[in-house]
Amino acid sequence: MGVVVASAPAKIILFGEHFVVYGEPAIVTAIDKRVYAKAEFREDKRLHIRSENLNLAGYFEDDVFKVEEGEEKKARFKLEPIKVAVNEVLKIKGEKLGLNIEVNSTVPVAAGLGSSAATASSVTLAVAELLKLKISKETIFRIAYEAEKIVHGTPSGVDPAISTFGGMLLFQVDTGFKPLNVEADLPLIVCDTGIERSTSVQVAKVRSVKERHPQIFESMMKTARGIVLRAVDALKNNDLKMLGELMNLNHALLYGLGVSDESLEWLINIARKAGALGAKLTGAGGGGCMIALTENEKLETVLEAVQKAGGKAFIAKKTDVGVKIEKL
């Protein structure tokens, strides 16, 4: 087989971001925006990687990196996790081979939607399939998690889990992942403020609130937990109105922690005024994305409203399909 293409989904955090760091549960869902990875053999022993969306390309020969497109330092930093994923698969095969990897994404990058994990999962499966290796989803998750460490230092594991397995997960640091079997169709609008944010800066902000106001933070954590647990029930009962209310409550807590900003508040208010059942930031905050839960008949109205207000928005649906091979 000369060429293999695999894909993996992006994700959004529906409930519980930031509080998840301190042991509270969060709900994460895979959405129908995917990253595509193409793998093929080369004549030489080089690993050549191209990222269409980032306009970056270069090759690794052992530990030497040569840039072909983009700024060298940025290219190496962004392409290194892909090299890690490929090398892990080659280790299983026990062979050193030259490969071309091409990544193409329909997921906004650096917006908190898990594009780096989806890249790692899809690359891992594409290379394994090319090498005729049958690897389990658990192995793909483990390899994607290793690649994520390059990007995020100590990642929670949420992103590689959701991009590998798909569906919806209840995640807690100490107990790990629990799949949520939710029949509900979740009509969501995801809107990128276009403001790049730093996750570590926002996490530090929350830590500072926790240190200055420990008792208040404790009660906020308890409230956040209550919201997530109520949301699990609302999802199982397909109660979209209740979910919308809980999203608004969750956002109020995040706003109180100081991780929202003007760009997010502006778009969240526009979405609610246009008829969304609920809207909140998703991910780290301080820019990045917001999400709005909307009844199907109002999707276009809310989408148009946030686009007119300057947001880069799209309609997203929950997907149960994790990493998979694409038919060519």
Protein backbone atom coordinates (compact mmCIF):
# COMPACT_ATOMS: atom_id res chain seq x y z
CA MET A 1 0.00 0.00 0.00
CA GLY A 2 1.62 3.25 -1.17
CA VAL A 3 -0.42 5.89 0.65
CA VAL A 4 -2.56 5.84 3.80
CA VAL A 5 -4.76 8.63 5.17
CA ALA A 6 -6.10 8.60 8.74
CA SER A 7 -8.19 11.20 10.57
CA ALA A 8 -9.04 12.09 14.17
CA PRO A 9 -11.60 14.49 15.68
CA ALA A 10 -11.18 17.80 17.48
CA LYS A 11 -12.74 18.31 20.90
CA ILE A 12 -14.49 20.85 23.04
CA ILE A 13 -14.76 21.02 26.82
CA LEU A 14 -18.46 21.32 27.55
CA PHE A 15 -18.14 21.74 31.33
CA GLY A 16 -15.53 21.89 34.06
CA GLU A 17 -12.40 23.46 32.58
CA HIS A 18 -9.85 24.88 35.07
CA PHE A 19 -11.53 23.16 38.03
CA VAL A 20 -10.45 19.84 36.47
CA VAL A 21 -6.84 20.75 37.38
CA TYR A 22 -7.83 20.53 41.07
CA GLY A 23 -9.52 17.14 40.81
CA GLU A 24 -13.06 18.11 39.79
CA PRO A 25 -14.81 16.36 36.88
CA ALA A 26 -15.07 17.79 33.36
CA ILE A 27 -17.17 16.78 30.33
CA VAL A 28 -15.40 16.64 26.99
CA THR A 29 -16.86 15.76 23.59
CA ALA A 30 -15.39 14.96 20.19
CA ILE A 31 -16.78 17.16 17.38
CA ASP A 32 -17.12 16.57 13.66
CA LYS A 33 -14.09 18.67 12.66
CA ARG A 34 -11.13 16.44 11.85
CA VAL A 35 -7.38 16.48 11.29
CA TYR A 36 -6.16 14.37 8.34
CA ALA A 37 -2.71 12.75 8.18
CA LYS A 38 -1.27 11.19 5.02
CA ALA A 39 1.67 8.79 5.25
CA GLU A 40 3.79 7.28 2.46
CA PHE A 41 7.21 5.66 2.09
CA ARG A 42 10.36 7.44 0.89
CA GLU A 43 13.41 6.07 -0.89
CA ASP A 44 15.82 7.51 1.72
CA LYS A 45 15.73 7.31 5.55
CA ARG A 46 14.46 10.85 6.13
CA LEU A 47 11.24 11.75 7.92
CA HIS A 48 9.70 14.55 5.87
CA ILE A 49 6.77 16.43 7.46
CA ARG A 50 4.53 19.08 5.95
CA SER A 51 1.72 20.93 7.75
CA GLU A 52 -0.59 22.52 5.19
CA ASN A 53 -2.39 24.75 7.70
CA LEU A 54 0.71 26.07 9.44
CA ASN A 55 2.66 26.51 6.18
CA LEU A 56 5.55 24.60 7.72
CA ALA A 57 7.71 21.86 6.22
CA GLY A 58 11.04 20.22 6.90
CA TYR A 59 12.71 16.89 7.46
CA PHE A 60 14.41 15.04 10.30
CA GLU A 61 17.46 12.89 9.66
CA ASP A 62 18.21 11.25 12.98
CA ASP A 63 18.21 14.27 15.35
CA VAL A 64 19.15 16.81 12.69
CA PHE A 65 16.30 19.03 11.48
CA LYS A 66 16.32 20.97 8.21
CA VAL A 67 13.56 23.51 7.61
CA GLU A 68 12.09 23.89 4.10
CA GLU A 69 9.17 26.20 4.77
CA GLY A 70 8.60 28.60 7.68
CA GLU A 71 10.88 29.85 10.45
CA GLU A 72 13.28 27.14 11.66
CA LYS A 73 12.66 27.34 15.43
CA LYS A 74 8.86 27.42 15.05
CA ALA A 75 8.91 24.63 12.44
CA ARG A 76 10.99 22.35 14.64
CA PHE A 77 8.80 23.00 17.72
CA LYS A 78 5.55 22.35 15.83
CA LEU A 79 6.78 19.30 13.86
CA GLU A 80 8.71 17.60 16.70
CA PRO A 81 5.57 15.99 18.28
CA ILE A 82 4.79 14.37 14.91
CA LYS A 83 8.34 12.96 14.82
CA VAL A 84 7.83 11.54 18.34
CA ALA A 85 4.59 9.79 17.25
CA VAL A 86 6.22 8.36 14.10
CA ASN A 87 9.29 7.13 16.00
CA GLU A 88 7.10 5.35 18.59
CA VAL A 89 5.38 3.41 15.78
CA LEU A 90 8.72 2.64 14.10
CA LYS A 91 9.95 1.28 17.45
CA ILE A 92 7.07 -1.21 17.48
CA LYS A 93 7.94 -2.21 13.91
CA GLY A 94 11.63 -2.47 14.86
CA GLU A 95 12.77 -0.84 11.61
CA LYS A 96 14.14 2.55 10.55
CA LEU A 97 12.29 3.77 7.46
CA GLY A 98 11.96 6.99 5.50
CA LEU A 99 8.47 8.49 5.45
CA ASN A 100 6.55 11.47 4.09
CA ILE A 101 3.89 12.80 6.46
CA GLU A 102 1.41 15.45 5.39
CA VAL A 103 -1.07 16.99 7.86
CA ASN A 104 -4.19 18.82 6.82
CA SER A 105 -6.63 20.17 9.38
CA THR A 106 -10.20 21.48 9.38
CA VAL A 107 -9.66 22.44 13.05
CA PRO A 108 -8.58 25.98 14.05
CA VAL A 109 -5.05 25.75 15.49
CA ALA A 110 -4.08 27.14 18.93
CA ALA A 111 -7.75 27.70 19.80
CA GLY A 112 -8.12 25.06 22.52
CA LEU A 113 -9.85 22.51 20.27
CA GLY A 114 -7.26 19.76 20.60
CA SER A 115 -5.71 20.03 17.13
CA SER A 116 -2.26 18.86 18.28
CA ALA A 117 -3.67 15.67 19.88
CA ALA A 118 -5.84 14.95 16.82
CA THR A 119 -2.70 15.35 14.69
CA ALA A 120 -0.75 12.91 16.87
CA SER A 121 -3.56 10.29 16.86
CA SER A 122 -4.12 10.47 13.10
CA VAL A 123 -0.37 10.35 12.30
CA THR A 124 0.08 7.33 14.62
CA LEU A 125 -2.71 5.33 12.95
CA ALA A 126 -1.69 6.33 9.39
CA VAL A 127 1.93 5.19 9.94
CA ALA A 128 0.86 1.96 11.69
CA GLU A 129 -1.49 1.10 8.82
CA LEU A 130 1.19 1.91 6.23
CA LEU A 131 3.56 -0.48 8.05
CA LYS A 132 0.78 -3.11 8.24
CA LEU A 133 0.86 -3.00 12.06
CA LYS A 134 -2.36 -3.77 13.90
CA ILE A 135 -2.24 -1.51 16.96
CA SER A 136 -4.95 -1.03 19.57
CA LYS A 137 -6.64 2.27 20.33
CA GLU A 138 -5.00 2.10 23.78
CA THR A 139 -1.58 2.08 22.06
CA ILE A 140 -2.58 4.99 19.81
CA PHE A 141 -3.70 6.92 22.91
CA ARG A 142 -0.39 6.18 24.69
CA ILE A 143 1.67 7.34 21.69
CA ALA A 144 -0.46 10.49 21.17
CA TYR A 145 -0.06 11.25 24.88
CA GLU A 146 3.76 11.02 24.54
CA ALA A 147 3.62 13.43 21.59
CA GLU A 148 1.40 15.83 23.58
CA LYS A 149 4.04 16.05 26.32
CA ILE A 150 6.25 17.93 23.83
CA VAL A 151 3.46 20.47 23.28
CA HIS A 152 2.03 20.82 26.79
CA GLY A 153 4.62 19.54 29.27
CA THR A 154 2.27 17.65 31.60
CA PRO A 155 -1.00 17.23 29.68
CA SER A 156 -4.09 15.83 31.44
CA GLY A 157 -4.58 13.21 28.72
CA VAL A 158 -8.08 14.48 27.84
CA ASP A 159 -7.16 15.59 24.31
CA PRO A 160 -5.41 12.40 23.13
CA ALA A 161 -8.18 10.29 24.73
CA ILE A 162 -10.99 12.09 22.95
CA SER A 163 -9.19 12.25 19.59
CA THR A 164 -8.46 8.52 19.78
CA PHE A 165 -11.74 7.14 21.14
CA GLY A 166 -14.26 9.82 20.07
CA GLY A 167 -17.64 10.24 21.77
CA MET A 168 -18.08 12.00 25.09
CA LEU A 169 -16.06 11.48 28.25
CA LEU A 170 -16.37 12.38 31.91
CA PHE A 171 -12.81 13.04 33.01
CA GLN A 172 -11.32 13.35 36.47
CA VAL A 173 -7.60 13.53 37.23
CA ASP A 174 -7.61 10.81 39.88
CA THR A 175 -10.09 8.39 38.27
CA GLY A 176 -9.37 8.97 34.57
CA PHE A 177 -11.90 8.65 31.74
CA LYS A 178 -15.43 7.36 31.83
CA PRO A 179 -17.33 7.19 28.52
CA LEU A 180 -20.74 8.88 28.60
CA ASN A 181 -23.22 7.19 26.29
CA VAL A 182 -25.26 10.19 25.23
CA GLU A 183 -27.90 9.84 22.52
CA ALA A 184 -28.62 13.58 22.48
CA ASP A 185 -27.77 15.46 19.33
CA LEU A 186 -25.92 18.54 20.58
CA PRO A 187 -26.34 21.42 18.12
CA LEU A 188 -23.37 23.66 18.94
CA ILE A 189 -21.77 26.73 17.50
CA VAL A 190 -18.05 27.01 18.09
CA CYS A 191 -16.68 30.52 17.67
CA ASP A 192 -13.01 31.47 17.63
CA THR A 193 -12.28 34.98 18.93
CA GLY A 194 -9.10 34.97 16.84
CA ILE A 195 -7.16 35.99 19.97
CA GLU A 196 -4.34 33.52 20.67
CA ARG A 197 -4.21 32.62 24.32
CA SER A 198 -1.66 30.99 26.57
CA THR A 199 -3.07 28.12 28.61
CA SER A 200 -0.30 28.42 31.21
CA VAL A 201 -1.05 32.14 31.83
CA GLN A 202 -4.75 31.36 32.45
CA VAL A 203 -3.94 28.37 34.70
CA ALA A 204 -1.62 30.62 36.75
CA LYS A 205 -4.43 33.21 37.12
CA VAL A 206 -6.71 30.55 38.61
CA ARG A 207 -3.97 29.31 40.94
CA SER A 208 -3.52 32.87 42.17
CA VAL A 209 -7.26 33.16 43.00
CA LYS A 210 -7.09 29.82 44.83
CA GLU A 211 -4.10 30.99 46.90
CA ARG A 212 -5.59 34.39 47.78
CA HIS A 213 -9.14 33.19 48.51
CA PRO A 214 -8.92 29.50 49.49
CA GLN A 215 -12.35 29.23 51.13
CA ILE A 216 -14.17 31.01 48.32
CA PHE A 217 -12.32 28.90 45.75
CA GLU A 218 -13.32 25.76 47.66
CA SER A 219 -17.00 26.66 47.37
CA MET A 220 -16.56 27.54 43.66
CA MET A 221 -15.06 24.07 43.12
CA LYS A 222 -18.02 22.47 44.85
CA THR A 223 -20.40 24.47 42.64
CA ALA A 224 -18.44 23.49 39.52
CA ARG A 225 -18.74 19.82 40.52
CA GLY A 226 -22.51 20.23 41.03
CA ILE A 227 -22.86 21.80 37.57
CA VAL A 228 -20.98 18.92 35.89
CA LEU A 229 -23.03 16.24 37.68
CA ARG A 230 -26.32 17.98 36.80
CA ALA A 231 -25.07 18.29 33.21
CA VAL A 232 -24.49 14.51 33.01
CA ASP A 233 -28.18 13.99 33.92
CA ALA A 234 -29.33 16.68 31.47
CA LEU A 235 -27.30 15.05 28.66
CA LYS A 236 -28.75 11.63 29.39
CA ASN A 237 -32.29 13.09 29.41
CA ASN A 238 -31.63 15.16 26.27
CA ASP A 239 -32.69 18.27 28.23
CA LEU A 240 -31.12 21.02 26.10
CA LYS A 241 -32.79 23.86 28.04
CA MET A 242 -31.24 22.64 31.31
CA LEU A 243 -27.85 22.19 29.59
CA GLY A 244 -27.97 25.78 28.34
CA GLU A 245 -28.70 27.10 31.85
CA LEU A 246 -25.84 25.03 33.27
CA MET A 247 -23.46 26.36 30.59
CA ASN A 248 -24.34 29.92 31.62
CA LEU A 249 -23.70 29.06 35.28
CA ASN A 250 -20.39 27.40 34.42
CA HIS A 251 -19.34 30.49 32.45
CA ALA A 252 -20.23 32.75 35.39
CA LEU A 253 -17.75 30.80 37.55
CA LEU A 254 -15.03 31.06 34.88
CA TYR A 255 -15.70 34.78 34.53
CA GLY A 256 -15.34 35.08 38.32
CA LEU A 257 -11.92 33.40 38.11
CA GLY A 258 -10.79 36.07 35.62
CA VAL A 259 -10.22 33.77 32.64
CA SER A 260 -12.79 35.35 30.35
CA ASP A 261 -11.94 38.50 28.39
CA GLU A 262 -13.68 41.20 26.32
CA SER A 263 -13.52 39.19 23.08
CA LEU A 264 -15.24 36.21 24.72
CA GLU A 265 -17.83 38.26 26.65
CA TRP A 266 -18.79 40.15 23.50
CA LEU A 267 -19.44 36.96 21.49
CA ILE A 268 -21.14 35.11 24.37
CA ASN A 269 -23.59 37.99 24.89
CA ILE A 270 -24.28 38.23 21.14
CA ALA A 271 -24.99 34.46 20.99
CA ARG A 272 -27.38 34.59 23.95
CA LYS A 273 -29.22 37.62 22.54
CA ALA A 274 -29.60 35.83 19.19
CA GLY A 275 -31.38 32.95 20.92
CA ALA A 276 -28.72 30.49 22.13
CA LEU A 277 -29.88 28.35 25.07
CA GLY A 278 -26.52 28.86 26.74
CA ALA A 279 -22.99 30.04 25.92
CA LYS A 280 -19.61 29.86 27.62
CA LEU A 281 -15.91 29.94 26.96
CA THR A 282 -14.36 26.54 26.22
CA GLY A 283 -10.80 25.62 27.12
CA ALA A 284 -8.36 27.93 28.86
CA GLY A 285 -10.05 31.27 28.13
CA GLY A 286 -8.30 34.61 27.71
CA GLY A 287 -9.22 34.48 24.02
CA GLY A 288 -9.53 31.21 22.11
CA CYS A 289 -13.06 29.84 21.62
CA MET A 290 -16.55 30.10 23.00
CA ILE A 291 -19.39 27.64 22.43
CA ALA A 292 -23.13 28.23 22.19
CA LEU A 293 -25.79 25.54 22.57
CA THR A 294 -28.64 26.28 20.21
CA GLU A 295 -31.85 24.59 19.07
CA ASN A 296 -31.54 23.31 15.49
CA GLU A 297 -34.00 25.86 14.11
CA LYS A 298 -31.98 28.77 15.55
CA LEU A 299 -28.51 27.53 14.54
CA GLU A 300 -28.22 29.69 11.41
CA THR A 301 -29.50 32.82 13.22
CA VAL A 302 -26.97 32.48 16.07
CA LEU A 303 -24.16 31.56 13.65
CA GLU A 304 -24.84 34.66 11.55
CA ALA A 305 -25.00 36.89 14.64
CA VAL A 306 -21.59 35.85 16.01
CA GLN A 307 -20.01 35.99 12.53
CA LYS A 308 -21.33 39.54 12.05
CA ALA A 309 -19.86 40.39 15.46
CA GLY A 310 -16.41 39.40 14.21
CA GLY A 311 -16.09 35.78 15.38
CA LYS A 312 -14.82 32.93 13.18
CA ALA A 313 -17.63 30.48 13.78
CA PHE A 314 -18.84 27.10 12.59
CA ILE A 315 -21.59 24.62 13.43
CA ALA A 316 -20.35 21.50 15.23
CA LYS A 317 -22.02 18.25 16.18
CA LYS A 318 -20.92 15.60 18.65
CA THR A 319 -19.21 12.66 16.96
CA ASP A 320 -18.74 9.13 18.27
CA VAL A 321 -16.10 8.36 15.64
CA GLY A 322 -12.56 8.53 17.00
CA VAL A 323 -9.37 8.02 15.01
CA LYS A 324 -9.98 6.07 11.77
CA ILE A 325 -8.55 5.16 8.38
CA GLU A 326 -10.02 7.15 5.48
CA LYS A 327 -10.93 5.38 2.26
CA LEU A 328 -8.92 6.81 -0.63
